[in-house]
Amino acid sequence: MSLSIESVEKIANLARISLSKQDIPLYTHHLSDILSFVDQMNSVDTSDIIPMAHPLDAVAWLRADVVSETNQRDHFQTLAPQVDAGLYVVPKVIE
């Protein structure tokens, strides 16, 4: 797929990218090459390929769901400036 200079200028405008006039032909060439490569990749038959969740087919090792820390709420609330019924009291910020 080949892009025109006008297309690249429009893409740059939509992306809010400032391109100088002498750089536009280079960007046109590079973007056209990228789109040609994508077209080439789309032409590959992948109907027999099973989709993978991870490119390395890695397995996520899960840890046991057990409590590993002690409850220190009372200790942390003694350090707070203001606490009410076990909750931290903060200044109202929305009227």
Protein backbone atom coordinates (compact mmCIF):
# COMPACT_ATOMS: atom_id res chain seq x y z
CA MET A 1 0.00 0.00 0.00
CA SER A 2 1.38 3.36 -0.97
CA LEU A 3 0.50 6.59 0.78
CA SER A 4 0.36 9.93 -0.93
CA ILE A 5 2.05 13.05 0.37
CA GLU A 6 -1.39 14.52 1.06
CA SER A 7 -2.28 11.48 3.20
CA VAL A 8 0.87 11.85 5.27
CA GLU A 9 0.18 15.56 5.76
CA LYS A 10 -3.36 14.74 6.89
CA ILE A 11 -2.11 12.02 9.28
CA ALA A 12 0.46 14.42 10.72
CA ASN A 13 -2.24 17.05 11.20
CA LEU A 14 -4.56 14.58 12.96
CA ALA A 15 -1.69 13.41 15.18
CA ARG A 16 -0.74 17.05 15.85
CA ILE A 17 2.79 16.38 14.59
CA SER A 18 4.68 19.18 12.88
CA LEU A 19 6.58 17.97 9.82
CA SER A 20 8.87 20.10 7.70
CA LYS A 21 8.25 20.11 3.94
CA GLN A 22 11.58 18.38 3.22
CA ASP A 23 10.81 15.52 5.67
CA ILE A 24 7.39 14.65 4.23
CA PRO A 25 8.71 12.53 1.30
CA LEU A 26 10.88 10.51 3.70
CA TYR A 27 7.95 9.90 6.05
CA THR A 28 5.75 9.01 3.08
CA HIS A 29 8.28 6.39 1.99
CA HIS A 30 8.73 4.92 5.49
CA LEU A 31 5.00 4.78 6.27
CA SER A 32 4.30 3.17 2.88
CA ASP A 33 6.95 0.53 3.64
CA ILE A 34 5.36 -0.19 7.01
CA LEU A 35 1.90 -0.57 5.48
CA SER A 36 3.31 -2.84 2.77
CA PHE A 37 4.90 -5.01 5.45
CA VAL A 38 1.57 -5.22 7.32
CA ASP A 39 -0.14 -6.27 4.07
CA GLN A 40 2.53 -8.93 3.62
CA MET A 41 1.92 -10.21 7.16
CA ASN A 42 -1.85 -10.27 6.56
CA SER A 43 -1.36 -12.52 3.53
CA VAL A 44 0.13 -15.32 5.66
CA ASP A 45 -2.26 -18.22 6.25
CA THR A 46 -2.74 -18.53 10.03
CA SER A 47 -5.86 -20.70 9.98
CA ASP A 48 -4.00 -23.67 11.53
CA ILE A 49 -2.30 -21.59 14.22
CA ILE A 50 -3.72 -21.80 17.74
CA PRO A 51 -3.83 -18.37 19.43
CA MET A 52 -1.60 -18.01 22.47
CA ALA A 53 -2.17 -15.96 25.59
CA HIS A 54 1.57 -15.27 25.85
CA PRO A 55 4.26 -15.41 23.14
CA LEU A 56 6.51 -17.58 25.31
CA ASP A 57 3.60 -19.81 26.41
CA ALA A 58 4.55 -19.00 30.00
CA VAL A 59 2.53 -20.18 32.97
CA ALA A 60 1.71 -17.76 35.76
CA TRP A 61 2.69 -19.27 39.06
CA LEU A 62 0.12 -18.36 41.68
CA ARG A 63 0.92 -18.20 45.35
CA ALA A 64 -1.37 -19.57 48.00
CA ASP A 65 -4.03 -17.11 49.13
CA VAL A 66 -2.98 -16.88 52.77
CA VAL A 67 -2.51 -13.91 55.10
CA SER A 68 1.17 -13.05 55.36
CA GLU A 69 0.99 -9.75 57.23
CA THR A 70 -0.36 -9.02 60.68
CA ASN A 71 -3.21 -6.55 61.18
CA GLN A 72 -1.61 -3.23 62.18
CA ARG A 73 -4.68 -1.03 61.74
CA ASP A 74 -4.77 0.10 65.36
CA HIS A 75 -1.10 1.03 65.27
CA PHE A 76 -1.47 3.05 62.03
CA GLN A 77 -4.59 4.80 63.28
CA THR A 78 -2.74 6.01 66.36
CA LEU A 79 -0.47 7.90 63.94
CA ALA A 80 -3.38 9.47 62.01
CA PRO A 81 -4.42 13.03 62.85
CA GLN A 82 -8.12 12.13 63.13
CA VAL A 83 -9.98 8.79 63.29
CA ASP A 84 -13.67 8.08 63.81
CA ALA A 85 -15.14 4.59 64.31
CA GLY A 86 -12.07 2.92 62.79
CA LEU A 87 -12.05 5.18 59.70
CA TYR A 88 -9.60 7.92 58.74
CA VAL A 89 -11.23 11.36 58.75
CA VAL A 90 -10.07 13.67 55.96
CA PRO A 91 -11.07 17.23 55.07
CA LYS A 92 -13.98 17.64 52.65
CA VAL A 93 -12.67 18.65 49.24
CA ILE A 94 -15.90 18.70 47.20
CA GLU A 95 -18.60 21.21 48.01
